[in-house]
């Protein structure tokens, strides 16, 4: 991958490579766009197969955050960070604090928060080195784990897609195929259970699968079989790029609504889904609950105000679906336009954009 070519093609502002030989830190911070405000996006820790993979993941996720924050109506830009390492083995206080020092050098252009492989405790360690961090515990004036409100947003998006697909928002008797049983999916399960939905799930962690099966009575299948499950809604709640040429033909659902970022392997896969009659809830619209929640930490956390803002995800998604039908475009393109138009309008106000 030619990093500069990729950055110029997708209008990135900055990529920062961070190393600390003594601690063993190898991290990437990608800032995509700060038109609307400082770049807010999570830090992901993962045992990437290569440095190039970690850089590309940060780039793709950072750009997605620009669109997510813009479409959610937040005065924030988009960025993301990745740390190369196994979070179950390589994570230490020193590693988190070292990463925090690099965040501090950016002077507030990037605000970090938690993502895959990271916890609220990690954010506490990072906070000792920089104030540019969110998803802090309530005791430190934060909002805690953002996964709870991410799940609320996903549930609201599912109801919108149910109304679009079956004429009513009830999920009673509907089958939901959950790919991944991590934090967001765990918070989503009570909502689905209360709604009377049937859940079929999988996860790479056998002990987690057994725990959720015992607690919520979910049916489980092997990871590689989740795409073949006959269901009403397929819900990707793990890693991205899972909607591709190999998996889409296997889907037996009416809608895709999940919390994973960058679910489409390529932009063209939105059209592939549409051609198969599958309604796609653009991921950065549906999964914005977490970033909406933590954005309130920046002005003094108010849980009621945060929840109220998260509940706007449903109406926002409905506008996207309506626009897609009116303009005869994919839902993914309609979501992109919503974000892009807001960014461009602010650029015009600030004299940053000219026709």
Protein backbone atom coordinates (compact mmCIF):
# COMPACT_ATOMS: atom_id res chain seq x y z
CA UNK A 1 0.00 0.00 0.00
CA UNK A 2 1.26 3.47 -0.90
CA UNK A 3 0.22 5.42 2.18
CA UNK A 4 0.51 8.91 0.69
CA UNK A 5 -1.47 7.92 -2.40
CA UNK A 6 -4.20 6.41 -0.22
CA UNK A 7 -4.29 9.49 2.00
CA UNK A 8 -4.56 11.87 -0.93
CA UNK A 9 -7.23 9.77 -2.61
CA UNK A 10 -9.43 9.89 0.51
CA UNK A 11 -8.47 13.36 1.82
CA UNK A 12 -6.68 12.44 5.04
CA UNK A 13 -4.98 15.16 7.04
CA UNK A 14 -2.37 13.27 9.06
CA UNK A 15 -0.99 9.86 10.01
CA UNK A 16 1.27 9.49 13.03
CA UNK A 17 3.40 6.40 13.67
CA UNK A 18 4.22 5.97 17.35
CA UNK A 19 7.00 3.79 18.74
CA UNK A 20 8.44 3.31 22.20
CA UNK A 21 11.31 0.82 22.18
CA UNK A 22 11.51 0.49 25.97
CA UNK A 23 7.80 -0.25 26.34
CA UNK A 24 7.27 -2.11 23.09
CA UNK A 25 4.65 0.27 21.74
CA UNK A 26 3.82 0.25 18.04
CA UNK A 27 0.79 2.43 17.32
CA UNK A 28 -0.85 4.36 14.50
CA UNK A 29 -2.97 7.50 14.84
CA UNK A 30 -4.88 8.50 11.70
CA UNK A 31 -6.64 11.86 11.52
CA UNK A 32 -8.99 12.03 8.57
CA UNK A 33 -10.86 15.32 8.78
CA UNK A 34 -11.20 18.08 11.40
CA UNK A 35 -13.59 20.40 9.56
CA UNK A 36 -16.33 19.96 12.17
CA UNK A 37 -14.00 19.85 15.17
CA UNK A 38 -11.24 17.75 16.73
CA UNK A 39 -11.03 14.17 15.50
CA UNK A 40 -12.75 11.82 17.93
CA UNK A 41 -12.34 8.08 17.48
CA UNK A 42 -11.41 4.97 19.38
CA UNK A 43 -8.13 3.18 19.87
CA UNK A 44 -8.13 -0.47 18.83
CA UNK A 45 -5.59 -3.01 20.11
CA UNK A 46 -5.25 -6.07 17.90
CA UNK A 47 -2.57 -8.63 16.93
CA UNK A 48 -2.32 -7.37 13.36
CA UNK A 49 -0.56 -9.67 10.92
CA UNK A 50 1.52 -6.77 9.61
CA UNK A 51 2.30 -3.11 10.17
CA UNK A 52 0.62 -2.31 6.87
CA UNK A 53 -2.58 -3.96 8.08
CA UNK A 54 -2.56 -1.83 11.25
CA UNK A 55 -2.02 1.37 9.25
CA UNK A 56 -4.79 0.55 6.78
CA UNK A 57 -7.19 -0.32 9.60
CA UNK A 58 -6.52 3.02 11.31
CA UNK A 59 -7.01 4.86 8.02
CA UNK A 60 -10.27 3.14 7.12
CA UNK A 61 -11.68 3.44 10.62
CA UNK A 62 -10.63 7.08 10.92
CA UNK A 63 -12.47 8.00 7.74
CA UNK A 64 -15.54 6.13 8.94
CA UNK A 65 -15.46 8.21 12.13
CA UNK A 66 -15.58 11.42 10.09
CA UNK A 67 -18.78 10.20 8.45
CA UNK A 68 -20.22 8.83 11.68
CA UNK A 69 -19.68 12.02 13.66
CA UNK A 70 -20.93 14.22 10.83
CA UNK A 71 -24.08 12.19 10.20
CA UNK A 72 -24.83 12.10 13.95
CA UNK A 73 -24.78 15.90 14.05
CA UNK A 74 -21.72 16.11 16.29
CA UNK A 75 -19.24 18.99 16.13
CA UNK A 76 -16.38 16.54 15.82
CA UNK A 77 -14.09 15.29 13.08
CA UNK A 78 -12.89 11.76 12.51
CA UNK A 79 -9.79 9.85 13.52
CA UNK A 80 -8.75 6.46 14.83
CA UNK A 81 -5.80 4.73 16.46
CA UNK A 82 -4.50 1.19 16.35
CA UNK A 83 -2.01 -0.52 18.65
CA UNK A 84 -0.26 -3.65 17.41
CA UNK A 85 -0.45 -6.36 20.06
CA UNK A 86 -2.57 -9.01 21.72
CA UNK A 87 -4.76 -7.22 24.29
CA UNK A 88 -4.95 -10.38 26.38
CA UNK A 89 -1.17 -10.72 26.65
CA UNK A 90 0.66 -7.54 25.69
CA UNK A 91 -1.34 -4.82 27.41
CA UNK A 92 0.28 -3.00 30.36
CA UNK A 93 -0.19 0.26 32.21
CA UNK A 94 3.10 1.49 30.74
CA UNK A 95 1.94 0.71 27.20
CA UNK A 96 -1.30 2.66 27.69
CA UNK A 97 0.50 5.61 29.25
CA UNK A 98 3.07 5.65 26.47
CA UNK A 99 0.26 5.79 23.93
CA UNK A 100 -1.33 8.60 25.95
CA UNK A 101 1.85 10.66 25.67
CA UNK A 102 1.67 10.47 21.90
CA UNK A 103 -1.97 11.55 21.96
CA UNK A 104 -0.93 14.53 24.08
CA UNK A 105 1.61 15.66 21.49
CA UNK A 106 -1.23 16.28 19.04
CA UNK A 107 -2.55 19.06 21.25
CA UNK A 108 -6.21 18.07 21.07
CA UNK A 109 -6.43 17.46 17.31
CA UNK A 110 -7.21 13.85 18.18
CA UNK A 111 -9.34 12.68 21.12
CA UNK A 112 -9.10 8.98 21.83
CA UNK A 113 -11.58 6.56 23.34
CA UNK A 114 -11.99 2.80 23.62
CA UNK A 115 -12.52 0.33 20.80
CA UNK A 116 -11.91 -3.38 20.24
CA UNK A 117 -9.39 -4.75 22.71
CA UNK A 118 -9.58 -1.71 25.01
CA UNK A 119 -11.39 -1.04 28.28
CA UNK A 120 -12.45 1.83 30.52
CA UNK A 121 -9.48 0.99 32.75
CA UNK A 122 -7.16 1.52 29.80
CA UNK A 123 -8.68 4.96 29.30
CA UNK A 124 -7.86 5.73 32.94
CA UNK A 125 -4.20 4.93 32.31
CA UNK A 126 -4.19 7.06 29.16
CA UNK A 127 -5.81 9.88 31.15
CA UNK A 128 -2.75 10.11 33.38
CA UNK A 129 -0.79 11.38 30.37
CA UNK A 130 -3.38 13.40 28.43
CA UNK A 131 -6.73 15.06 28.91
CA UNK A 132 -7.70 14.22 25.32
CA UNK A 133 -9.44 10.96 26.17
CA UNK A 134 -13.06 9.90 26.70
CA UNK A 135 -15.00 6.81 27.87
CA UNK A 136 -13.68 7.46 31.35
CA UNK A 137 -15.40 6.01 34.43
CA UNK A 138 -18.15 7.99 36.13
CA UNK A 139 -15.86 8.66 39.07
CA UNK A 140 -13.63 10.71 36.77
CA UNK A 141 -16.49 12.63 35.22
CA UNK A 142 -16.84 10.29 32.28
CA UNK A 143 -19.68 8.19 30.91
CA UNK A 144 -18.21 4.72 31.40
CA UNK A 145 -18.44 1.98 28.80
CA UNK A 146 -20.04 3.38 25.60
CA UNK A 147 -21.19 -0.08 24.48
CA UNK A 148 -24.49 0.23 26.38
CA UNK A 149 -25.74 3.15 24.30
CA UNK A 150 -24.24 1.71 21.12
CA UNK A 151 -26.58 -1.22 21.71
CA UNK A 152 -29.54 1.14 22.22
CA UNK A 153 -28.84 2.72 18.85
CA UNK A 154 -28.55 -0.67 17.13
CA UNK A 155 -31.88 -1.74 18.61
CA UNK A 156 -33.56 1.46 17.39
CA UNK A 157 -32.08 0.89 13.93
CA UNK A 158 -33.43 -2.67 13.92
CA UNK A 159 -36.92 -1.37 14.65
CA UNK A 160 -36.68 1.08 11.74
CA UNK A 161 -35.58 -1.71 9.40
CA UNK A 162 -38.36 -3.95 10.69
CA UNK A 163 -40.90 -1.23 9.91
CA UNK A 164 -39.40 -0.81 6.45
CA UNK A 165 -39.34 -4.56 5.77
CA UNK A 166 -42.50 -5.85 7.43
CA UNK A 167 -44.66 -2.79 8.03
CA UNK A 168 -44.23 -2.68 11.81
CA UNK A 169 -41.33 -2.13 14.18
CA UNK A 170 -42.02 -5.14 16.40
CA UNK A 171 -39.28 -7.75 16.58
CA UNK A 172 -41.59 -10.30 18.22
CA UNK A 173 -40.85 -13.70 16.70
CA UNK A 174 -38.10 -12.36 14.45
CA UNK A 175 -34.80 -14.25 14.25
CA UNK A 176 -31.63 -12.21 14.75
CA UNK A 177 -28.28 -13.72 13.75
CA UNK A 178 -25.60 -12.10 15.92
CA UNK A 179 -22.05 -12.33 14.63
CA UNK A 180 -20.01 -11.67 17.77
CA UNK A 181 -20.98 -11.65 21.43
CA UNK A 182 -18.74 -8.89 22.72
CA UNK A 183 -19.68 -5.83 24.74
CA UNK A 184 -22.19 -4.28 22.35
CA UNK A 185 -23.92 -7.56 21.54
CA UNK A 186 -24.11 -8.39 25.25
CA UNK A 187 -25.91 -5.11 25.94
CA UNK A 188 -28.12 -5.71 22.91
CA UNK A 189 -29.29 -9.14 24.09
CA UNK A 190 -31.65 -7.87 26.85
CA UNK A 191 -33.37 -5.55 24.34
CA UNK A 192 -33.88 -8.43 21.91
CA UNK A 193 -35.04 -10.75 24.66
CA UNK A 194 -37.59 -8.23 25.91
CA UNK A 195 -38.79 -7.65 22.34
CA UNK A 196 -39.48 -11.37 21.93
CA UNK A 197 -36.86 -12.00 19.27
CA UNK A 198 -35.05 -15.29 18.76
CA UNK A 199 -31.25 -14.98 18.75
CA UNK A 200 -28.75 -17.24 16.99
CA UNK A 201 -25.15 -16.27 17.71
CA UNK A 202 -21.48 -17.08 17.37
CA UNK A 203 -18.17 -15.83 18.73
CA UNK A 204 -14.51 -16.79 18.59
CA UNK A 205 -14.49 -17.16 22.39
CA UNK A 206 -16.06 -20.47 23.38
CA UNK A 207 -16.44 -19.50 27.03
CA UNK A 208 -18.32 -16.34 26.05
CA UNK A 209 -20.68 -18.30 23.82
CA UNK A 210 -21.48 -20.69 26.66
CA UNK A 211 -22.04 -17.84 29.11
CA UNK A 212 -24.48 -16.02 26.83
CA UNK A 213 -26.22 -19.27 26.00
CA UNK A 214 -26.77 -19.96 29.69
CA UNK A 215 -27.79 -16.40 30.60
CA UNK A 216 -30.00 -15.53 27.63
CA UNK A 217 -30.87 -18.88 26.09
CA UNK A 218 -29.42 -17.95 22.72
CA UNK A 219 -28.92 -20.63 20.10
CA UNK A 220 -25.32 -20.91 18.99
CA UNK A 221 -23.60 -21.98 15.78
CA UNK A 222 -19.94 -22.28 14.70
CA UNK A 223 -18.39 -19.04 13.44
CA UNK A 224 -18.25 -20.11 9.81
CA UNK A 225 -21.93 -21.07 9.81
CA UNK A 226 -23.44 -17.76 10.95
CA UNK A 227 -23.80 -16.50 7.36
CA UNK A 228 -25.96 -19.53 6.50
CA UNK A 229 -28.48 -19.08 9.32
CA UNK A 230 -32.02 -18.41 8.03
CA UNK A 231 -32.91 -15.18 9.83
CA UNK A 232 -34.78 -11.92 9.55
CA UNK A 233 -31.89 -9.64 10.54
CA UNK A 234 -28.20 -10.41 10.25
CA UNK A 235 -26.28 -8.38 12.83
CA UNK A 236 -22.49 -8.08 12.45
CA UNK A 237 -21.10 -7.13 15.86
CA UNK A 238 -17.43 -8.04 15.50
CA UNK A 239 -14.81 -6.91 12.99
CA UNK A 240 -15.30 -5.26 9.60
CA UNK A 241 -15.20 -6.21 5.91
CA UNK A 242 -17.45 -9.20 6.54
CA UNK A 243 -19.93 -8.31 3.77
CA UNK A 244 -18.08 -9.41 0.66
CA UNK A 245 -18.31 -11.51 -2.49
CA UNK A 246 -18.00 -14.73 -0.52
CA UNK A 247 -20.42 -14.02 2.33
CA UNK A 248 -23.24 -11.98 0.79
CA UNK A 249 -24.49 -14.85 -1.43
CA UNK A 250 -24.81 -16.98 1.71
CA UNK A 251 -27.02 -14.54 3.64
CA UNK A 252 -30.63 -15.59 4.23
CA UNK A 253 -32.01 -12.41 5.74
CA UNK A 254 -34.13 -9.36 4.91
CA UNK A 255 -31.91 -6.78 6.61
CA UNK A 256 -28.39 -6.21 7.91
CA UNK A 257 -28.11 -4.12 11.08
CA UNK A 258 -25.04 -4.36 13.29
CA UNK A 259 -22.46 -2.55 15.38
CA UNK A 260 -19.29 -3.57 13.50
CA UNK A 261 -17.44 -0.78 11.71
CA UNK A 262 -16.72 -0.89 7.97
CA UNK A 263 -18.96 -3.89 7.36
CA UNK A 264 -18.76 -3.57 3.57
CA UNK A 265 -15.52 -4.98 2.19
CA UNK A 266 -15.89 -2.59 -0.74
CA UNK A 267 -18.35 0.24 -1.49
CA UNK A 268 -19.85 -1.78 -4.36
CA UNK A 269 -21.11 -4.41 -1.92
CA UNK A 270 -23.91 -2.05 -0.89
CA UNK A 271 -25.33 -2.49 -4.39
CA UNK A 272 -24.78 -6.24 -4.23
CA UNK A 273 -26.89 -6.37 -1.05
CA UNK A 274 -29.57 -4.18 -2.58
CA UNK A 275 -29.73 -6.34 -5.71
CA UNK A 276 -30.41 -9.33 -3.48
CA UNK A 277 -33.27 -7.52 -1.77
CA UNK A 278 -31.41 -7.11 1.54
CA UNK A 279 -31.92 -3.82 3.37
CA UNK A 280 -28.60 -2.48 4.67
CA UNK A 281 -28.51 -0.10 7.65
CA UNK A 282 -25.27 1.83 7.05
CA UNK A 283 -23.00 0.91 9.95
CA UNK A 284 -21.89 4.44 10.85
CA UNK A 285 -25.52 5.51 11.16
CA UNK A 286 -26.68 2.53 13.23
CA UNK A 287 -23.66 2.23 15.54
CA UNK A 288 -23.23 5.91 16.42
CA UNK A 289 -24.70 5.52 19.92
CA UNK A 290 -21.34 5.04 21.59
CA UNK A 291 -19.61 8.07 20.09
CA UNK A 292 -22.71 10.19 20.70
CA UNK A 293 -22.62 9.16 24.34
CA UNK A 294 -18.95 9.91 24.90
CA UNK A 295 -19.18 13.22 23.02
CA UNK A 296 -21.17 14.52 25.98
CA UNK A 297 -18.12 14.01 28.19
CA UNK A 298 -16.48 16.92 26.39
CA UNK A 299 -19.05 19.39 27.73
CA UNK A 300 -19.95 17.75 31.05
CA UNK A 301 -21.67 14.39 30.94
CA UNK A 302 -25.46 14.40 31.08
CA UNK A 303 -26.85 10.84 30.73
CA UNK A 304 -30.39 11.97 29.89
CA UNK A 305 -29.19 14.34 27.18
CA UNK A 306 -26.91 11.63 25.79
CA UNK A 307 -29.73 9.08 25.63
CA UNK A 308 -32.03 11.61 23.98
CA UNK A 309 -29.42 12.24 21.29
CA UNK A 310 -28.88 8.50 20.76
CA UNK A 311 -32.62 8.06 20.20
CA UNK A 312 -32.26 10.29 17.12
CA UNK A 313 -30.50 7.40 15.36
CA UNK A 314 -33.85 5.89 14.36
CA UNK A 315 -35.18 9.05 12.64
CA UNK A 316 -31.77 9.66 11.02
CA UNK A 317 -31.74 6.15 9.58
CA UNK A 318 -35.30 6.61 8.31
CA UNK A 319 -34.23 9.76 6.45
CA UNK A 320 -31.37 7.81 4.89
CA UNK A 321 -33.69 5.00 3.78
CA UNK A 322 -36.22 7.47 2.36
CA UNK A 323 -33.52 9.32 0.44
CA UNK A 324 -32.16 6.08 -0.98
CA UNK A 325 -35.60 5.22 -2.36
CA UNK A 326 -36.31 8.71 -3.69
CA UNK A 327 -32.96 9.09 -5.43
CA UNK A 328 -32.72 5.41 -6.41
CA UNK A 329 -29.33 4.98 -4.76
CA UNK A 330 -28.03 2.56 -2.16
CA UNK A 331 -28.57 3.24 1.51
CA UNK A 332 -24.80 3.42 1.93
CA UNK A 333 -24.53 6.20 -0.64
CA UNK A 334 -27.45 8.06 0.93
CA UNK A 335 -25.69 7.92 4.30
CA UNK A 336 -22.44 9.17 2.75
CA UNK A 337 -24.26 12.11 1.18
CA UNK A 338 -25.80 13.06 4.52
CA UNK A 339 -22.36 13.28 6.10
CA UNK A 340 -20.58 14.85 3.14
CA UNK A 341 -23.15 17.60 2.70
CA UNK A 342 -22.87 18.62 6.33
CA UNK A 343 -19.08 18.76 6.15
CA UNK A 344 -19.13 20.76 2.94
CA UNK A 345 -21.68 23.21 4.32
CA UNK A 346 -19.43 23.95 7.29
CA UNK A 347 -16.42 24.32 5.01
CA UNK A 348 -18.32 26.95 3.04
CA UNK A 349 -19.18 28.84 6.23
CA UNK A 350 -15.53 28.84 7.25
CA UNK A 351 -14.27 29.70 3.78
CA UNK A 352 -12.56 26.33 3.55
CA UNK A 353 -14.44 25.06 0.54
CA UNK A 354 -14.97 26.64 -2.85
CA UNK A 355 -16.97 25.38 -5.79
